[in-house]
Amino acid sequence: MLNTIPNEVARGMIFATGESTSKQPDDAGTNDDEGLEDVVRDEQDYLRSRLRNELGREPTDEELSEWQRQHTEGY
């Protein structure tokens, strides 16, 4: 016997996970490049903050680059 999920539950699961089958553009009008730039900026801010806490001072650009290299070499 096949188990089915009621439509209301299935829709709730989609909303809870944020998954959607439609590929509509954002209502705000942002494009993918702006979203990617935001992600990169957030990652850089996180890394700078993490190294600042570890070093007890503001990290240099060389230290940031070296940390990224060490943690991404295996990929």
PDB file of N, CA and C in Angstrom:
ATOM      1  N   MET A   1       0.838  -1.177   0.000  1.00  0.00           N
ATOM      2  CA  MET A   1       0.000   0.000   0.000  1.00  0.00           C
ATOM      3  C   MET A   1       0.883   1.241   0.000  1.00  0.00           C
ATOM      4  N   LEU A   2       0.560   2.181  -0.832  1.00  0.00           N
ATOM      5  CA  LEU A   2       1.323   3.409  -0.984  1.00  0.00           C
ATOM      6  C   LEU A   2       0.856   4.440   0.030  1.00  0.00           C
ATOM      7  N   ASN A   3       1.793   4.977   0.819  1.00  0.00           N
ATOM      8  CA  ASN A   3       1.459   6.041   1.769  1.00  0.00           C
ATOM      9  C   ASN A   3       1.509   7.371   1.052  1.00  0.00           C
ATOM     10  N   THR A   4       0.502   8.200   1.274  1.00  0.00           N
ATOM     11  CA  THR A   4       0.477   9.524   0.656  1.00  0.00           C
ATOM     12  C   THR A   4       0.472  10.582   1.732  1.00  0.00           C
ATOM     13  N   ILE A   5       0.957  11.757   1.375  1.00  0.00           N
ATOM     14  CA  ILE A   5       0.988  12.894   2.288  1.00  0.00           C
ATOM     15  C   ILE A   5      -0.112  13.852   1.852  1.00  0.00           C
ATOM     16  N   PRO A   6      -0.979  14.278   2.776  1.00  0.00           N
ATOM     17  CA  PRO A   6      -2.019  15.237   2.399  1.00  0.00           C
ATOM     18  C   PRO A   6      -1.398  16.501   1.800  1.00  0.00           C
ATOM     19  N   ASN A   7      -2.106  17.136   0.878  1.00  0.00           N
ATOM     20  CA  ASN A   7      -1.599  18.333   0.199  1.00  0.00           C
ATOM     21  C   ASN A   7      -1.168  19.422   1.173  1.00  0.00           C
ATOM     22  N   GLU A   8      -1.948  19.617   2.242  1.00  0.00           N
ATOM     23  CA  GLU A   8      -1.621  20.683   3.195  1.00  0.00           C
ATOM     24  C   GLU A   8      -0.269  20.409   3.862  1.00  0.00           C
ATOM     25  N   VAL A   9       0.004  19.159   4.193  1.00  0.00           N
ATOM     26  CA  VAL A   9       1.275  18.809   4.819  1.00  0.00           C
ATOM     27  C   VAL A   9       2.407  18.977   3.821  1.00  0.00           C
ATOM     28  N   ALA A  10       2.212  18.506   2.592  1.00  0.00           N
ATOM     29  CA  ALA A  10       3.243  18.617   1.563  1.00  0.00           C
ATOM     30  C   ALA A  10       3.587  20.077   1.304  1.00  0.00           C
ATOM     31  N   ARG A  11       2.589  20.937   1.216  1.00  0.00           N
ATOM     32  CA  ARG A  11       2.866  22.364   1.005  1.00  0.00           C
ATOM     33  C   ARG A  11       3.614  22.950   2.178  1.00  0.00           C
ATOM     34  N   GLY A  12       3.263  22.561   3.392  1.00  0.00           N
ATOM     35  CA  GLY A  12       3.964  23.038   4.579  1.00  0.00           C
ATOM     36  C   GLY A  12       5.415  22.606   4.591  1.00  0.00           C
ATOM     37  N   MET A  13       5.675  21.393   4.093  1.00  0.00           N
ATOM     38  CA  MET A  13       7.044  20.902   4.040  1.00  0.00           C
ATOM     39  C   MET A  13       7.863  21.718   3.054  1.00  0.00           C
ATOM     40  N   ILE A  14       7.276  22.078   1.931  1.00  0.00           N
ATOM     41  CA  ILE A  14       7.986  22.891   0.936  1.00  0.00           C
ATOM     42  C   ILE A  14       8.306  24.257   1.519  1.00  0.00           C
ATOM     43  N   PHE A  15       7.342  24.875   2.189  1.00  0.00           N
ATOM     44  CA  PHE A  15       7.582  26.195   2.766  1.00  0.00           C
ATOM     45  C   PHE A  15       8.598  26.121   3.896  1.00  0.00           C
ATOM     46  N   ALA A  16       8.558  25.046   4.681  1.00  0.00           N
ATOM     47  CA  ALA A  16       9.481  24.916   5.812  1.00  0.00           C
ATOM     48  C   ALA A  16      10.916  24.735   5.334  1.00  0.00           C
ATOM     49  N   THR A  17      11.108  24.045   4.221  1.00  0.00           N
ATOM     50  CA  THR A  17      12.464  23.809   3.729  1.00  0.00           C
ATOM     51  C   THR A  17      12.933  24.895   2.791  1.00  0.00           C
ATOM     52  N   GLY A  18      12.013  25.744   2.323  1.00  0.00           N
ATOM     53  CA  GLY A  18      12.385  26.809   1.407  1.00  0.00           C
ATOM     54  C   GLY A  18      12.563  26.333  -0.012  1.00  0.00           C
ATOM     55  N   GLU A  19      12.217  25.082  -0.285  1.00  0.00           N
ATOM     56  CA  GLU A  19      12.362  24.546  -1.630  1.00  0.00           C
ATOM     57  C   GLU A  19      11.119  24.867  -2.443  1.00  0.00           C
ATOM     58  N   SER A  20      11.342  25.130  -3.685  1.00  0.00           N
ATOM     59  CA  SER A  20      10.241  25.419  -4.583  1.00  0.00           C
ATOM     60  C   SER A  20      10.596  24.893  -5.959  1.00  0.00           C
ATOM     61  N   THR A  21       9.587  24.484  -6.695  1.00  0.00           N
ATOM     62  CA  THR A  21       9.847  23.983  -8.040  1.00  0.00           C
ATOM     63  C   THR A  21       9.860  25.100  -9.064  1.00  0.00           C
ATOM     64  N   SER A  22       9.334  26.258  -8.723  1.00  0.00           N
ATOM     65  CA  SER A  22       9.312  27.361  -9.683  1.00  0.00           C
ATOM     66  C   SER A  22      10.626  28.128  -9.620  1.00  0.00           C
ATOM     67  N   LYS A  23      11.080  28.587 -10.750  1.00  0.00           N
ATOM     68  CA  LYS A  23      12.324  29.355 -10.848  1.00  0.00           C
ATOM     69  C   LYS A  23      12.005  30.786 -11.279  1.00  0.00           C
ATOM     70  N   GLN A  24      11.187  31.452 -10.489  1.00  0.00           N
ATOM     71  CA  GLN A  24      10.791  32.818 -10.776  1.00  0.00           C
ATOM     72  C   GLN A  24      11.864  33.779 -10.312  1.00  0.00           C
ATOM     73  N   PRO A  25      12.073  34.896 -11.001  1.00  0.00           N
ATOM     74  CA  PRO A  25      13.034  35.895 -10.524  1.00  0.00           C
ATOM     75  C   PRO A  25      12.562  36.493  -9.204  1.00  0.00           C
ATOM     76  N   ASP A  26      13.490  36.997  -8.431  1.00  0.00           N
ATOM     77  CA  ASP A  26      13.159  37.633  -7.161  1.00  0.00           C
ATOM     78  C   ASP A  26      12.231  38.807  -7.389  1.00  0.00           C
ATOM     79  N   ASP A  27      11.279  38.982  -6.484  1.00  0.00           N
ATOM     80  CA  ASP A  27      10.358  40.111  -6.583  1.00  0.00           C
ATOM     81  C   ASP A  27      11.070  41.436  -6.386  1.00  0.00           C
ATOM     82  N   ALA A  28      12.164  41.420  -5.629  1.00  0.00           N
ATOM     83  CA  ALA A  28      12.895  42.649  -5.340  1.00  0.00           C
ATOM     84  C   ALA A  28      13.666  43.155  -6.556  1.00  0.00           C
ATOM     85  N   GLY A  29      13.806  42.332  -7.589  1.00  0.00           N
ATOM     86  CA  GLY A  29      14.499  42.760  -8.787  1.00  0.00           C
ATOM     87  C   GLY A  29      15.999  42.594  -8.723  1.00  0.00           C
ATOM     88  N   THR A  30      16.514  41.893  -7.709  1.00  0.00           N
ATOM     89  CA  THR A  30      17.954  41.687  -7.632  1.00  0.00           C
ATOM     90  C   THR A  30      18.346  40.587  -8.601  1.00  0.00           C
ATOM     91  N   ASN A  31      19.569  40.659  -9.096  1.00  0.00           N
ATOM     92  CA  ASN A  31      20.025  39.602  -9.990  1.00  0.00           C
ATOM     93  C   ASN A  31      20.987  38.691  -9.254  1.00  0.00           C
ATOM     94  N   ASP A  32      21.361  37.603  -9.907  1.00  0.00           N
ATOM     95  CA  ASP A  32      22.223  36.612  -9.264  1.00  0.00           C
ATOM     96  C   ASP A  32      23.589  37.176  -8.908  1.00  0.00           C
ATOM     97  N   ASP A  33      24.129  38.091  -9.718  1.00  0.00           N
ATOM     98  CA  ASP A  33      25.448  38.660  -9.433  1.00  0.00           C
ATOM     99  C   ASP A  33      25.456  39.437  -8.127  1.00  0.00           C
ATOM    100  N   GLU A  34      24.397  40.200  -7.884  1.00  0.00           N
ATOM    101  CA  GLU A  34      24.337  40.961  -6.637  1.00  0.00           C
ATOM    102  C   GLU A  34      24.243  40.020  -5.443  1.00  0.00           C
ATOM    103  N   GLY A  35      23.495  38.941  -5.580  1.00  0.00           N
ATOM    104  CA  GLY A  35      23.383  37.968  -4.504  1.00  0.00           C
ATOM    105  C   GLY A  35      24.716  37.303  -4.225  1.00  0.00           C
ATOM    106  N   LEU A  36      25.453  36.980  -5.290  1.00  0.00           N
ATOM    107  CA  LEU A  36      26.763  36.358  -5.137  1.00  0.00           C
ATOM    108  C   LEU A  36      27.748  37.323  -4.484  1.00  0.00           C
ATOM    109  N   GLU A  37      27.696  38.581  -4.865  1.00  0.00           N
ATOM    110  CA  GLU A  37      28.571  39.584  -4.262  1.00  0.00           C
ATOM    111  C   GLU A  37      28.286  39.710  -2.765  1.00  0.00           C
ATOM    112  N   ASP A  38      27.009  39.620  -2.392  1.00  0.00           N
ATOM    113  CA  ASP A  38      26.652  39.690  -0.977  1.00  0.00           C
ATOM    114  C   ASP A  38      27.219  38.500  -0.211  1.00  0.00           C
ATOM    115  N   VAL A  39      27.156  37.320  -0.810  1.00  0.00           N
ATOM    116  CA  VAL A  39      27.683  36.119  -0.166  1.00  0.00           C
ATOM    117  C   VAL A  39      29.193  36.236   0.019  1.00  0.00           C
ATOM    118  N   VAL A  40      29.886  36.703  -1.012  1.00  0.00           N
ATOM    119  CA  VAL A  40      31.343  36.865  -0.925  1.00  0.00           C
ATOM    120  C   VAL A  40      31.697  37.868   0.163  1.00  0.00           C
ATOM    121  N   ARG A  41      30.996  38.976   0.211  1.00  0.00           N
ATOM    122  CA  ARG A  41      31.252  40.006   1.224  1.00  0.00           C
ATOM    123  C   ARG A  41      31.007  39.450   2.628  1.00  0.00           C
ATOM    124  N   ASP A  42      29.924  38.694   2.794  1.00  0.00           N
ATOM    125  CA  ASP A  42      29.626  38.102   4.100  1.00  0.00           C
ATOM    126  C   ASP A  42      30.715  37.115   4.525  1.00  0.00           C
ATOM    127  N   GLU A  43      31.189  36.306   3.574  1.00  0.00           N
ATOM    128  CA  GLU A  43      32.264  35.350   3.872  1.00  0.00           C
ATOM    129  C   GLU A  43      33.547  36.067   4.272  1.00  0.00           C
ATOM    130  N   GLN A  44      33.875  37.141   3.577  1.00  0.00           N
ATOM    131  CA  GLN A  44      35.078  37.909   3.909  1.00  0.00           C
ATOM    132  C   GLN A  44      34.955  38.549   5.283  1.00  0.00           C
ATOM    133  N   ASP A  45      33.771  39.075   5.585  1.00  0.00           N
ATOM    134  CA  ASP A  45      33.550  39.672   6.902  1.00  0.00           C
ATOM    135  C   ASP A  45      33.672  38.626   8.003  1.00  0.00           C
ATOM    136  N   TYR A  46      33.122  37.434   7.764  1.00  0.00           N
ATOM    137  CA  TYR A  46      33.204  36.359   8.745  1.00  0.00           C
ATOM    138  C   TYR A  46      34.665  35.953   8.984  1.00  0.00           C
ATOM    139  N   LEU A  47      35.403  35.764   7.887  1.00  0.00           N
ATOM    140  CA  LEU A  47      36.797  35.357   8.006  1.00  0.00           C
ATOM    141  C   LEU A  47      37.612  36.411   8.750  1.00  0.00           C
ATOM    142  N   ARG A  48      37.419  37.669   8.407  1.00  0.00           N
ATOM    143  CA  ARG A  48      38.147  38.748   9.077  1.00  0.00           C
ATOM    144  C   ARG A  48      37.830  38.751  10.576  1.00  0.00           C
ATOM    145  N   SER A  49      36.562  38.564  10.924  1.00  0.00           N
ATOM    146  CA  SER A  49      36.151  38.548  12.327  1.00  0.00           C
ATOM    147  C   SER A  49      36.752  37.345  13.059  1.00  0.00           C
ATOM    148  N   ARG A  50      36.733  36.195  12.397  1.00  0.00           N
ATOM    149  CA  ARG A  50      37.294  34.983  13.016  1.00  0.00           C
ATOM    150  C   ARG A  50      38.789  35.140  13.285  1.00  0.00           C
ATOM    151  N   LEU A  51      39.524  35.632  12.299  1.00  0.00           N
ATOM    152  CA  LEU A  51      40.961  35.826  12.492  1.00  0.00           C
ATOM    153  C   LEU A  51      41.245  36.929  13.506  1.00  0.00           C
ATOM    154  N   ARG A  52      40.432  37.960  13.528  1.00  0.00           N
ATOM    155  CA  ARG A  52      40.614  39.030  14.513  1.00  0.00           C
ATOM    156  C   ARG A  52      40.504  38.459  15.921  1.00  0.00           C
ATOM    157  N   ASN A  53      39.533  37.556  16.136  1.00  0.00           N
ATOM    158  CA  ASN A  53      39.371  36.929  17.454  1.00  0.00           C
ATOM    159  C   ASN A  53      40.543  36.009  17.784  1.00  0.00           C
ATOM    160  N   GLU A  54      41.021  35.255  16.797  1.00  0.00           N
ATOM    161  CA  GLU A  54      42.138  34.333  17.027  1.00  0.00           C
ATOM    162  C   GLU A  54      43.445  35.065  17.282  1.00  0.00           C
ATOM    163  N   LEU A  55      43.694  36.139  16.522  1.00  0.00           N
ATOM    164  CA  LEU A  55      44.974  36.838  16.612  1.00  0.00           C
ATOM    165  C   LEU A  55      44.989  37.931  17.676  1.00  0.00           C
ATOM    166  N   GLY A  56      43.810  38.421  18.041  1.00  0.00           N
ATOM    167  CA  GLY A  56      43.729  39.510  18.997  1.00  0.00           C
ATOM    168  C   GLY A  56      44.059  40.858  18.379  1.00  0.00           C
ATOM    169  N   ARG A  57      44.059  40.912  17.044  1.00  0.00           N
ATOM    170  CA  ARG A  57      44.324  42.156  16.315  1.00  0.00           C
ATOM    171  C   ARG A  57      43.718  42.027  14.920  1.00  0.00           C
ATOM    172  N   GLU A  58      43.752  43.103  14.178  1.00  0.00           N
ATOM    173  CA  GLU A  58      43.225  43.086  12.810  1.00  0.00           C
ATOM    174  C   GLU A  58      44.171  42.290  11.898  1.00  0.00           C
ATOM    175  N   PRO A  59      43.659  41.272  11.188  1.00  0.00           N
ATOM    176  CA  PRO A  59      44.535  40.478  10.311  1.00  0.00           C
ATOM    177  C   PRO A  59      44.919  41.255   9.052  1.00  0.00           C
ATOM    178  N   THR A  60      46.096  40.940   8.524  1.00  0.00           N
ATOM    179  CA  THR A  60      46.530  41.554   7.268  1.00  0.00           C
ATOM    180  C   THR A  60      45.882  40.809   6.101  1.00  0.00           C
ATOM    181  N   ASP A  61      45.928  41.411   4.927  1.00  0.00           N
ATOM    182  CA  ASP A  61      45.391  40.760   3.732  1.00  0.00           C
ATOM    183  C   ASP A  61      46.139  39.461   3.440  1.00  0.00           C
ATOM    184  N   GLU A  62      47.444  39.461   3.691  1.00  0.00           N
ATOM    185  CA  GLU A  62      48.238  38.248   3.476  1.00  0.00           C
ATOM    186  C   GLU A  62      47.796  37.125   4.409  1.00  0.00           C
ATOM    187  N   GLU A  63      47.497  37.452   5.666  1.00  0.00           N
ATOM    188  CA  GLU A  63      47.027  36.443   6.612  1.00  0.00           C
ATOM    189  C   GLU A  63      45.666  35.893   6.202  1.00  0.00           C
ATOM    190  N   LEU A  64      44.797  36.757   5.713  1.00  0.00           N
ATOM    191  CA  LEU A  64      43.494  36.313   5.224  1.00  0.00           C
ATOM    192  C   LEU A  64      43.653  35.357   4.049  1.00  0.00           C
ATOM    193  N   SER A  65      44.506  35.718   3.108  1.00  0.00           N
ATOM    194  CA  SER A  65      44.739  34.881   1.933  1.00  0.00           C
ATOM    195  C   SER A  65      45.346  33.538   2.319  1.00  0.00           C
ATOM    196  N   GLU A  66      46.294  33.563   3.234  1.00  0.00           N
ATOM    197  CA  GLU A  66      46.944  32.329   3.670  1.00  0.00           C
ATOM    198  C   GLU A  66      45.952  31.418   4.381  1.00  0.00           C
ATOM    199  N   TRP A  67      45.097  31.965   5.222  1.00  0.00           N
ATOM    200  CA  TRP A  67      44.093  31.161   5.918  1.00  0.00           C
ATOM    201  C   TRP A  67      43.162  30.507   4.902  1.00  0.00           C
ATOM    202  N   GLN A  68      42.699  31.295   3.921  1.00  0.00           N
ATOM    203  CA  GLN A  68      41.817  30.744   2.895  1.00  0.00           C
ATOM    204  C   GLN A  68      42.525  29.642   2.110  1.00  0.00           C
ATOM    205  N   ARG A  69      43.783  29.849   1.757  1.00  0.00           N
ATOM    206  CA  ARG A  69      44.535  28.849   1.001  1.00  0.00           C
ATOM    207  C   ARG A  69      44.649  27.560   1.791  1.00  0.00           C
ATOM    208  N   GLN A  70      44.994  27.668   3.059  1.00  0.00           N
ATOM    209  CA  GLN A  70      45.172  26.478   3.896  1.00  0.00           C
ATOM    210  C   GLN A  70      43.873  25.701   4.068  1.00  0.00           C
ATOM    211  N   HIS A  71      42.769  26.402   4.129  1.00  0.00           N
ATOM    212  CA  HIS A  71      41.502  25.737   4.387  1.00  0.00           C
ATOM    213  C   HIS A  71      40.743  25.320   3.123  1.00  0.00           C
ATOM    214  N   THR A  72      41.279  25.636   1.965  1.00  0.00           N
ATOM    215  CA  THR A  72      40.630  25.237   0.719  1.00  0.00           C
ATOM    216  C   THR A  72      41.533  24.408  -0.178  1.00  0.00           C
ATOM    217  N   GLU A  73      42.758  24.114   0.253  1.00  0.00           N
ATOM    218  CA  GLU A  73      43.700  23.361  -0.562  1.00  0.00           C
ATOM    219  C   GLU A  73      43.160  21.994  -0.992  1.00  0.00           C
ATOM    220  N   GLY A  74      42.479  21.317  -0.112  1.00  0.00           N
ATOM    221  CA  GLY A  74      41.984  19.979  -0.399  1.00  0.00           C
ATOM    222  C   GLY A  74      40.829  19.933  -1.380  1.00  0.00           C
ATOM    223  N   TYR A  75      40.220  21.080  -1.682  1.00  0.00           N
ATOM    224  CA  TYR A  75      39.076  21.100  -2.574  1.00  0.00           C
ATOM    225  C   TYR A  75      39.549  21.319  -3.944  1.00  0.00           C
TER     226      TYR A  75
END
